[in-house]
Amino acid sequence: MAEPARPYTPDQLAERWQCSAETIRNLVKSKQLPGFRCGRMIRIPRQSVEEYEQCLKSPSENCAVATASRGERTENDGVISLRHAPEKKPRQRP
């Protein structure tokens, strides 16, 4: 019987996607990428990664990724460019 595939760590997934591990942690924290905690460690199931990647390739109504950005989405020659909303400044209390 085959052993189930082990989930990704943020570092492993960051290497796969060529981004930072902090980006992966933020995706999990914002619930854009399903993950779970083992104590203080974050793990991302392989199935969740495959579904997320599939949604990035061809977003549909069922994909959370299709509405993940708050910025404007434009497509030019097959390249997707996201313009993120400006960073909010913390309010100062009187």
PDB file of N, CA and C in Angstrom:
ATOM      1  N   MET A   1       0.842  -1.176   0.000  1.00  0.00           N
ATOM      2  CA  MET A   1       0.000   0.000   0.000  1.00  0.00           C
ATOM      3  C   MET A   1       0.892   1.246   0.000  1.00  0.00           C
ATOM      4  N   ALA A   2       0.584   2.192  -0.870  1.00  0.00           N
ATOM      5  CA  ALA A   2       1.397   3.397  -0.997  1.00  0.00           C
ATOM      6  C   ALA A   2       1.186   4.320   0.198  1.00  0.00           C
ATOM      7  N   GLU A   3       2.268   4.928   0.620  1.00  0.00           N
ATOM      8  CA  GLU A   3       2.216   5.867   1.735  1.00  0.00           C
ATOM      9  C   GLU A   3       1.718   7.222   1.213  1.00  0.00           C
ATOM     10  N   PRO A   4       0.825   7.906   1.951  1.00  0.00           N
ATOM     11  CA  PRO A   4       0.325   9.198   1.469  1.00  0.00           C
ATOM     12  C   PRO A   4       1.462  10.221   1.357  1.00  0.00           C
ATOM     13  N   ALA A   5       1.318  11.133   0.392  1.00  0.00           N
ATOM     14  CA  ALA A   5       2.335  12.165   0.178  1.00  0.00           C
ATOM     15  C   ALA A   5       2.374  13.104   1.378  1.00  0.00           C
ATOM     16  N   ARG A   6       3.589  13.485   1.772  1.00  0.00           N
ATOM     17  CA  ARG A   6       3.755  14.373   2.914  1.00  0.00           C
ATOM     18  C   ARG A   6       3.410  15.804   2.524  1.00  0.00           C
ATOM     19  N   PRO A   7       2.825  16.561   3.441  1.00  0.00           N
ATOM     20  CA  PRO A   7       2.489  17.958   3.133  1.00  0.00           C
ATOM     21  C   PRO A   7       3.749  18.816   3.017  1.00  0.00           C
ATOM     22  N   TYR A   8       3.612  19.959   2.352  1.00  0.00           N
ATOM     23  CA  TYR A   8       4.722  20.893   2.184  1.00  0.00           C
ATOM     24  C   TYR A   8       4.910  21.738   3.437  1.00  0.00           C
ATOM     25  N   THR A   9       6.141  22.136   3.671  1.00  0.00           N
ATOM     26  CA  THR A   9       6.434  23.177   4.650  1.00  0.00           C
ATOM     27  C   THR A   9       6.402  24.497   3.880  1.00  0.00           C
ATOM     28  N   PRO A  10       6.260  25.636   4.556  1.00  0.00           N
ATOM     29  CA  PRO A  10       6.314  26.917   3.837  1.00  0.00           C
ATOM     30  C   PRO A  10       7.614  27.096   3.047  1.00  0.00           C
ATOM     31  N   ASP A  11       8.739  26.636   3.601  1.00  0.00           N
ATOM     32  CA  ASP A  11      10.023  26.757   2.906  1.00  0.00           C
ATOM     33  C   ASP A  11      10.055  25.921   1.628  1.00  0.00           C
ATOM     34  N   GLN A  12       9.544  24.699   1.690  1.00  0.00           N
ATOM     35  CA  GLN A  12       9.526  23.839   0.511  1.00  0.00           C
ATOM     36  C   GLN A  12       8.638  24.426  -0.584  1.00  0.00           C
ATOM     37  N   LEU A  13       7.475  24.906  -0.200  1.00  0.00           N
ATOM     38  CA  LEU A  13       6.549  25.472  -1.170  1.00  0.00           C
ATOM     39  C   LEU A  13       7.087  26.785  -1.742  1.00  0.00           C
ATOM     40  N   ALA A  14       7.748  27.581  -0.909  1.00  0.00           N
ATOM     41  CA  ALA A  14       8.346  28.831  -1.382  1.00  0.00           C
ATOM     42  C   ALA A  14       9.414  28.540  -2.435  1.00  0.00           C
ATOM     43  N   GLU A  15      10.182  27.494  -2.245  1.00  0.00           N
ATOM     44  CA  GLU A  15      11.192  27.115  -3.230  1.00  0.00           C
ATOM     45  C   GLU A  15      10.525  26.671  -4.532  1.00  0.00           C
ATOM     46  N   ARG A  16       9.445  25.920  -4.428  1.00  0.00           N
ATOM     47  CA  ARG A  16       8.714  25.450  -5.607  1.00  0.00           C
ATOM     48  C   ARG A  16       8.126  26.618  -6.396  1.00  0.00           C
ATOM     49  N   TRP A  17       7.570  27.602  -5.680  1.00  0.00           N
ATOM     50  CA  TRP A  17       6.915  28.736  -6.327  1.00  0.00           C
ATOM     51  C   TRP A  17       7.849  29.926  -6.519  1.00  0.00           C
ATOM     52  N   GLN A  18       9.077  29.809  -6.083  1.00  0.00           N
ATOM     53  CA  GLN A  18      10.081  30.866  -6.196  1.00  0.00           C
ATOM     54  C   GLN A  18       9.601  32.176  -5.573  1.00  0.00           C
ATOM     55  N   CYS A  19       9.196  32.070  -4.322  1.00  0.00           N
ATOM     56  CA  CYS A  19       8.791  33.242  -3.551  1.00  0.00           C
ATOM     57  C   CYS A  19       9.339  33.059  -2.139  1.00  0.00           C
ATOM     58  N   SER A  20       8.953  33.916  -1.224  1.00  0.00           N
ATOM     59  CA  SER A  20       9.443  33.794   0.148  1.00  0.00           C
ATOM     60  C   SER A  20       8.518  32.894   0.970  1.00  0.00           C
ATOM     61  N   ALA A  21       9.070  32.311   2.005  1.00  0.00           N
ATOM     62  CA  ALA A  21       8.273  31.477   2.916  1.00  0.00           C
ATOM     63  C   ALA A  21       7.231  32.342   3.634  1.00  0.00           C
ATOM     64  N   GLU A  22       7.554  33.623   3.847  1.00  0.00           N
ATOM     65  CA  GLU A  22       6.609  34.528   4.496  1.00  0.00           C
ATOM     66  C   GLU A  22       5.367  34.732   3.621  1.00  0.00           C
ATOM     67  N   THR A  23       5.550  34.758   2.307  1.00  0.00           N
ATOM     68  CA  THR A  23       4.417  34.865   1.391  1.00  0.00           C
ATOM     69  C   THR A  23       3.491  33.671   1.551  1.00  0.00           C
ATOM     70  N   ILE A  24       4.070  32.486   1.669  1.00  0.00           N
ATOM     71  CA  ILE A  24       3.278  31.267   1.853  1.00  0.00           C
ATOM     72  C   ILE A  24       2.527  31.329   3.182  1.00  0.00           C
ATOM     73  N   ARG A  25       3.220  31.748   4.231  1.00  0.00           N
ATOM     74  CA  ARG A  25       2.565  31.861   5.547  1.00  0.00           C
ATOM     75  C   ARG A  25       1.396  32.850   5.491  1.00  0.00           C
ATOM     76  N   ASN A  26       1.577  33.950   4.769  1.00  0.00           N
ATOM     77  CA  ASN A  26       0.502  34.944   4.643  1.00  0.00           C
ATOM     78  C   ASN A  26      -0.687  34.388   3.869  1.00  0.00           C
ATOM     79  N   LEU A  27      -0.436  33.584   2.831  1.00  0.00           N
ATOM     80  CA  LEU A  27      -1.520  32.959   2.080  1.00  0.00           C
ATOM     81  C   LEU A  27      -2.326  32.014   2.973  1.00  0.00           C
ATOM     82  N   VAL A  28      -1.625  31.267   3.814  1.00  0.00           N
ATOM     83  CA  VAL A  28      -2.313  30.347   4.728  1.00  0.00           C
ATOM     84  C   VAL A  28      -3.081  31.139   5.780  1.00  0.00           C
ATOM     85  N   LYS A  29      -2.444  32.168   6.320  1.00  0.00           N
ATOM     86  CA  LYS A  29      -3.086  32.984   7.357  1.00  0.00           C
ATOM     87  C   LYS A  29      -4.351  33.662   6.836  1.00  0.00           C
ATOM     88  N   SER A  30      -4.321  34.130   5.580  1.00  0.00           N
ATOM     89  CA  SER A  30      -5.483  34.797   4.998  1.00  0.00           C
ATOM     90  C   SER A  30      -6.495  33.813   4.415  1.00  0.00           C
ATOM     91  N   LYS A  31      -6.217  32.529   4.559  1.00  0.00           N
ATOM     92  CA  LYS A  31      -7.092  31.442   4.110  1.00  0.00           C
ATOM     93  C   LYS A  31      -7.257  31.385   2.588  1.00  0.00           C
ATOM     94  N   GLN A  32      -6.321  31.967   1.854  1.00  0.00           N
ATOM     95  CA  GLN A  32      -6.321  31.851   0.394  1.00  0.00           C
ATOM     96  C   GLN A  32      -5.736  30.510  -0.028  1.00  0.00           C
ATOM     97  N   LEU A  33      -4.892  29.942   0.829  1.00  0.00           N
ATOM     98  CA  LEU A  33      -4.281  28.636   0.593  1.00  0.00           C
ATOM     99  C   LEU A  33      -4.564  27.772   1.818  1.00  0.00           C
ATOM    100  N   PRO A  34      -5.312  26.679   1.647  1.00  0.00           N
ATOM    101  CA  PRO A  34      -5.626  25.825   2.797  1.00  0.00           C
ATOM    102  C   PRO A  34      -4.360  25.197   3.388  1.00  0.00           C
ATOM    103  N   GLY A  35      -4.235  25.295   4.682  1.00  0.00           N
ATOM    104  CA  GLY A  35      -3.112  24.714   5.402  1.00  0.00           C
ATOM    105  C   GLY A  35      -3.549  24.378   6.815  1.00  0.00           C
ATOM    106  N   PHE A  36      -2.647  23.776   7.566  1.00  0.00           N
ATOM    107  CA  PHE A  36      -2.968  23.441   8.947  1.00  0.00           C
ATOM    108  C   PHE A  36      -1.720  23.585   9.806  1.00  0.00           C
ATOM    109  N   ARG A  37      -1.932  23.610  11.100  1.00  0.00           N
ATOM    110  CA  ARG A  37      -0.828  23.758  12.050  1.00  0.00           C
ATOM    111  C   ARG A  37      -0.605  22.459  12.809  1.00  0.00           C
ATOM    112  N   CYS A  38       0.661  22.187  13.049  1.00  0.00           N
ATOM    113  CA  CYS A  38       1.093  21.115  13.945  1.00  0.00           C
ATOM    114  C   CYS A  38       1.905  21.821  15.018  1.00  0.00           C
ATOM    115  N   GLY A  39       1.241  22.193  16.097  1.00  0.00           N
ATOM    116  CA  GLY A  39       1.910  23.015  17.089  1.00  0.00           C
ATOM    117  C   GLY A  39       2.151  24.389  16.500  1.00  0.00           C
ATOM    118  N   ARG A  40       3.420  24.788  16.393  1.00  0.00           N
ATOM    119  CA  ARG A  40       3.759  26.083  15.805  1.00  0.00           C
ATOM    120  C   ARG A  40       4.109  25.975  14.325  1.00  0.00           C
ATOM    121  N   MET A  41       4.183  24.762  13.808  1.00  0.00           N
ATOM    122  CA  MET A  41       4.571  24.547  12.418  1.00  0.00           C
ATOM    123  C   MET A  41       3.361  24.614  11.491  1.00  0.00           C
ATOM    124  N   ILE A  42       3.553  25.175  10.305  1.00  0.00           N
ATOM    125  CA  ILE A  42       2.503  25.234   9.293  1.00  0.00           C
ATOM    126  C   ILE A  42       2.801  24.177   8.239  1.00  0.00           C
ATOM    127  N   ARG A  43       1.767  23.473   7.818  1.00  0.00           N
ATOM    128  CA  ARG A  43       1.890  22.471   6.757  1.00  0.00           C
ATOM    129  C   ARG A  43       0.789  22.710   5.740  1.00  0.00           C
ATOM    130  N   ILE A  44       1.123  22.493   4.466  1.00  0.00           N
ATOM    131  CA  ILE A  44       0.176  22.700   3.382  1.00  0.00           C
ATOM    132  C   ILE A  44       0.018  21.376   2.641  1.00  0.00           C
ATOM    133  N   PRO A  45      -1.192  20.801   2.619  1.00  0.00           N
ATOM    134  CA  PRO A  45      -1.395  19.520   1.931  1.00  0.00           C
ATOM    135  C   PRO A  45      -1.094  19.634   0.435  1.00  0.00           C
ATOM    136  N   ARG A  46      -0.507  18.589  -0.120  1.00  0.00           N
ATOM    137  CA  ARG A  46      -0.156  18.575  -1.546  1.00  0.00           C
ATOM    138  C   ARG A  46      -1.387  18.794  -2.432  1.00  0.00           C
ATOM    139  N   GLN A  47      -2.508  18.233  -2.035  1.00  0.00           N
ATOM    140  CA  GLN A  47      -3.737  18.395  -2.820  1.00  0.00           C
ATOM    141  C   GLN A  47      -4.142  19.872  -2.870  1.00  0.00           C
ATOM    142  N   SER A  48      -4.001  20.583  -1.765  1.00  0.00           N
ATOM    143  CA  SER A  48      -4.327  22.009  -1.727  1.00  0.00           C
ATOM    144  C   SER A  48      -3.419  22.801  -2.667  1.00  0.00           C
ATOM    145  N   VAL A  49      -2.137  22.426  -2.700  1.00  0.00           N
ATOM    146  CA  VAL A  49      -1.176  23.100  -3.576  1.00  0.00           C
ATOM    147  C   VAL A  49      -1.562  22.875  -5.037  1.00  0.00           C
ATOM    148  N   GLU A  50      -1.892  21.642  -5.386  1.00  0.00           N
ATOM    149  CA  GLU A  50      -2.269  21.322  -6.762  1.00  0.00           C
ATOM    150  C   GLU A  50      -3.539  22.065  -7.174  1.00  0.00           C
ATOM    151  N   GLU A  51      -4.522  22.148  -6.277  1.00  0.00           N
ATOM    152  CA  GLU A  51      -5.760  22.869  -6.570  1.00  0.00           C
ATOM    153  C   GLU A  51      -5.485  24.367  -6.746  1.00  0.00           C
ATOM    154  N   TYR A  52      -4.642  24.925  -5.890  1.00  0.00           N
ATOM    155  CA  TYR A  52      -4.293  26.344  -5.970  1.00  0.00           C
ATOM    156  C   TYR A  52      -3.583  26.642  -7.285  1.00  0.00           C
ATOM    157  N   GLU A  53      -2.633  25.790  -7.665  1.00  0.00           N
ATOM    158  CA  GLU A  53      -1.915  25.978  -8.920  1.00  0.00           C
ATOM    159  C   GLU A  53      -2.862  25.864 -10.116  1.00  0.00           C
ATOM    160  N   GLN A  54      -3.791  24.930 -10.054  1.00  0.00           N
ATOM    161  CA  GLN A  54      -4.761  24.760 -11.132  1.00  0.00           C
ATOM    162  C   GLN A  54      -5.631  26.006 -11.272  1.00  0.00           C
ATOM    163  N   CYS A  55      -6.033  26.595 -10.150  1.00  0.00           N
ATOM    164  CA  CYS A  55      -6.844  27.811 -10.185  1.00  0.00           C
ATOM    165  C   CYS A  55      -6.054  28.979 -10.744  1.00  0.00           C
ATOM    166  N   LEU A  56      -4.744  29.016 -10.499  1.00  0.00           N
ATOM    167  CA  LEU A  56      -3.915  30.080 -11.059  1.00  0.00           C
ATOM    168  C   LEU A  56      -3.826  29.953 -12.572  1.00  0.00           C
ATOM    169  N   LYS A  57      -3.784  28.718 -13.064  1.00  0.00           N
ATOM    170  CA  LYS A  57      -3.674  28.483 -14.502  1.00  0.00           C
ATOM    171  C   LYS A  57      -4.969  28.818 -15.219  1.00  0.00           C
ATOM    172  N   SER A  58      -6.100  28.428 -14.642  1.00  0.00           N
ATOM    173  CA  SER A  58      -7.393  28.682 -15.279  1.00  0.00           C
ATOM    174  C   SER A  58      -8.436  29.003 -14.215  1.00  0.00           C
ATOM    175  N   PRO A  59      -8.502  30.266 -13.758  1.00  0.00           N
ATOM    176  CA  PRO A  59      -9.457  30.639 -12.713  1.00  0.00           C
ATOM    177  C   PRO A  59     -10.903  30.406 -13.162  1.00  0.00           C
ATOM    178  N   SER A  60     -11.712  29.909 -12.241  1.00  0.00           N
ATOM    179  CA  SER A  60     -13.129  29.709 -12.511  1.00  0.00           C
ATOM    180  C   SER A  60     -13.920  30.264 -11.338  1.00  0.00           C
ATOM    181  N   GLU A  61     -15.232  30.136 -11.413  1.00  0.00           N
ATOM    182  CA  GLU A  61     -16.085  30.642 -10.339  1.00  0.00           C
ATOM    183  C   GLU A  61     -15.827  29.929  -9.021  1.00  0.00           C
ATOM    184  N   ASN A  62     -15.353  28.688  -9.068  1.00  0.00           N
ATOM    185  CA  ASN A  62     -15.144  27.889  -7.866  1.00  0.00           C
ATOM    186  C   ASN A  62     -13.783  28.109  -7.226  1.00  0.00           C
ATOM    187  N   CYS A  63     -12.929  28.909  -7.829  1.00  0.00           N
ATOM    188  CA  CYS A  63     -11.580  29.119  -7.319  1.00  0.00           C
ATOM    189  C   CYS A  63     -11.522  30.342  -6.417  1.00  0.00           C
ATOM    190  N   ALA A  64     -11.002  30.164  -5.223  1.00  0.00           N
ATOM    191  CA  ALA A  64     -10.810  31.291  -4.321  1.00  0.00           C
ATOM    192  C   ALA A  64      -9.721  32.206  -4.852  1.00  0.00           C
ATOM    193  N   VAL A  65      -8.803  31.658  -5.638  1.00  0.00           N
ATOM    194  CA  VAL A  65      -7.689  32.426  -6.166  1.00  0.00           C
ATOM    195  C   VAL A  65      -8.168  33.503  -7.133  1.00  0.00           C
ATOM    196  N   ALA A  66      -9.266  33.257  -7.824  1.00  0.00           N
ATOM    197  CA  ALA A  66      -9.762  34.200  -8.822  1.00  0.00           C
ATOM    198  C   ALA A  66     -10.091  35.550  -8.203  1.00  0.00           C
ATOM    199  N   THR A  67     -10.406  35.601  -6.930  1.00  0.00           N
ATOM    200  CA  THR A  67     -10.747  36.854  -6.265  1.00  0.00           C
ATOM    201  C   THR A  67      -9.785  37.173  -5.133  1.00  0.00           C
ATOM    202  N   ALA A  68      -8.607  36.575  -5.138  1.00  0.00           N
ATOM    203  CA  ALA A  68      -7.674  36.733  -4.035  1.00  0.00           C
ATOM    204  C   ALA A  68      -7.066  38.122  -3.954  1.00  0.00           C
ATOM    205  N   SER A  69      -6.839  38.774  -5.080  1.00  0.00           N
ATOM    206  CA  SER A  69      -6.199  40.078  -5.077  1.00  0.00           C
ATOM    207  C   SER A  69      -7.237  41.181  -4.934  1.00  0.00           C
ATOM    208  N   ARG A  70      -6.891  42.213  -4.187  1.00  0.00           N
ATOM    209  CA  ARG A  70      -7.768  43.365  -4.083  1.00  0.00           C
ATOM    210  C   ARG A  70      -7.419  44.380  -5.156  1.00  0.00           C
ATOM    211  N   GLY A  71      -6.390  44.097  -5.933  1.00  0.00           N
ATOM    212  CA  GLY A  71      -5.926  45.027  -6.946  1.00  0.00           C
ATOM    213  C   GLY A  71      -6.618  44.819  -8.273  1.00  0.00           C
ATOM    214  N   GLU A  72      -6.188  45.574  -9.236  1.00  0.00           N
ATOM    215  CA  GLU A  72      -6.742  45.511 -10.573  1.00  0.00           C
ATOM    216  C   GLU A  72      -6.018  44.417 -11.351  1.00  0.00           C
ATOM    217  N   ARG A  73      -6.747  43.646 -12.114  1.00  0.00           N
ATOM    218  CA  ARG A  73      -6.149  42.543 -12.847  1.00  0.00           C
ATOM    219  C   ARG A  73      -6.209  42.847 -14.340  1.00  0.00           C
ATOM    220  N   THR A  74      -5.052  42.785 -14.980  1.00  0.00           N
ATOM    221  CA  THR A  74      -4.994  43.001 -16.416  1.00  0.00           C
ATOM    222  C   THR A  74      -4.181  41.890 -17.044  1.00  0.00           C
ATOM    223  N   GLU A  75      -4.482  41.580 -18.312  1.00  0.00           N
ATOM    224  CA  GLU A  75      -3.747  40.544 -19.024  1.00  0.00           C
ATOM    225  C   GLU A  75      -3.146  41.135 -20.281  1.00  0.00           C
ATOM    226  N   ASN A  76      -1.846  40.913 -20.488  1.00  0.00           N
ATOM    227  CA  ASN A  76      -1.140  41.378 -21.667  1.00  0.00           C
ATOM    228  C   ASN A  76      -0.289  40.248 -22.212  1.00  0.00           C
ATOM    229  N   ASP A  77      -0.603  39.783 -23.395  1.00  0.00           N
ATOM    230  CA  ASP A  77       0.182  38.741 -24.062  1.00  0.00           C
ATOM    231  C   ASP A  77       0.417  37.522 -23.174  1.00  0.00           C
ATOM    232  N   GLY A  78      -0.600  37.095 -22.456  1.00  0.00           N
ATOM    233  CA  GLY A  78      -0.475  35.916 -21.611  1.00  0.00           C
ATOM    234  C   GLY A  78       0.204  36.177 -20.276  1.00  0.00           C
ATOM    235  N   VAL A  79       0.613  37.417 -20.006  1.00  0.00           N
ATOM    236  CA  VAL A  79       1.252  37.763 -18.739  1.00  0.00           C
ATOM    237  C   VAL A  79       0.217  38.452 -17.868  1.00  0.00           C
ATOM    238  N   ILE A  80       0.061  37.979 -16.657  1.00  0.00           N
ATOM    239  CA  ILE A  80      -0.908  38.568 -15.741  1.00  0.00           C
ATOM    240  C   ILE A  80      -0.179  39.515 -14.807  1.00  0.00           C
ATOM    241  N   SER A  81      -0.654  40.725 -14.734  1.00  0.00           N
ATOM    242  CA  SER A  81      -0.048  41.746 -13.903  1.00  0.00           C
ATOM    243  C   SER A  81      -1.062  42.180 -12.858  1.00  0.00           C
ATOM    244  N   LEU A  82      -0.684  42.149 -11.592  1.00  0.00           N
ATOM    245  CA  LEU A  82      -1.579  42.571 -10.519  1.00  0.00           C
ATOM    246  C   LEU A  82      -1.084  43.895  -9.947  1.00  0.00           C
ATOM    247  N   ARG A  83      -1.989  44.808  -9.763  1.00  0.00           N
ATOM    248  CA  ARG A  83      -1.682  46.072  -9.119  1.00  0.00           C
ATOM    249  C   ARG A  83      -2.387  46.049  -7.773  1.00  0.00           C
ATOM    250  N   HIS A  84      -1.624  45.994  -6.708  1.00  0.00           N
ATOM    251  CA  HIS A  84      -2.199  45.870  -5.378  1.00  0.00           C
ATOM    252  C   HIS A  84      -2.676  47.210  -4.854  1.00  0.00           C
ATOM    253  N   ALA A  85      -3.659  47.137  -3.984  1.00  0.00           N
ATOM    254  CA  ALA A  85      -4.186  48.338  -3.344  1.00  0.00           C
ATOM    255  C   ALA A  85      -3.092  48.954  -2.478  1.00  0.00           C
ATOM    256  N   PRO A  86      -3.102  50.276  -2.319  1.00  0.00           N
ATOM    257  CA  PRO A  86      -2.079  50.912  -1.491  1.00  0.00           C
ATOM    258  C   PRO A  86      -2.158  50.421  -0.047  1.00  0.00           C
ATOM    259  N   GLU A  87      -1.001  50.400   0.568  1.00  0.00           N
ATOM    260  CA  GLU A  87      -0.928  49.925   1.954  1.00  0.00           C
ATOM    261  C   GLU A  87      -1.653  50.906   2.871  1.00  0.00           C
ATOM    262  N   LYS A  88      -2.433  50.365   3.790  1.00  0.00           N
ATOM    263  CA  LYS A  88      -3.169  51.209   4.734  1.00  0.00           C
ATOM    264  C   LYS A  88      -2.232  51.672   5.848  1.00  0.00           C
ATOM    265  N   LYS A  89      -2.347  52.946   6.177  1.00  0.00           N
ATOM    266  CA  LYS A  89      -1.548  53.481   7.261  1.00  0.00           C
ATOM    267  C   LYS A  89      -2.312  53.314   8.567  1.00  0.00           C
ATOM    268  N   PRO A  90      -1.618  52.976   9.641  1.00  0.00           N
ATOM    269  CA  PRO A  90      -2.320  52.831  10.924  1.00  0.00           C
ATOM    270  C   PRO A  90      -2.871  54.172  11.394  1.00  0.00           C
ATOM    271  N   ARG A  91      -4.053  54.095  11.961  1.00  0.00           N
ATOM    272  CA  ARG A  91      -4.692  55.315  12.476  1.00  0.00           C
ATOM    273  C   ARG A  91      -4.031  55.741  13.774  1.00  0.00           C
ATOM    274  N   GLN A  92      -3.826  57.018  13.904  1.00  0.00           N
ATOM    275  CA  GLN A  92      -3.240  57.556  15.132  1.00  0.00           C
ATOM    276  C   GLN A  92      -4.381  57.905  16.084  1.00  0.00           C
ATOM    277  N   ARG A  93      -4.189  57.527  17.307  1.00  0.00           N
ATOM    278  CA  ARG A  93      -5.200  57.832  18.329  1.00  0.00           C
ATOM    279  C   ARG A  93      -4.914  59.179  18.961  1.00  0.00           C
ATOM    280  N   PRO A  94      -5.953  59.941  19.223  1.00  0.00           N
ATOM    281  CA  PRO A  94      -5.766  61.281  19.843  1.00  0.00           C
ATOM    282  C   PRO A  94      -5.305  61.207  21.269  1.00  0.00           C
TER     283      PRO A  94
END
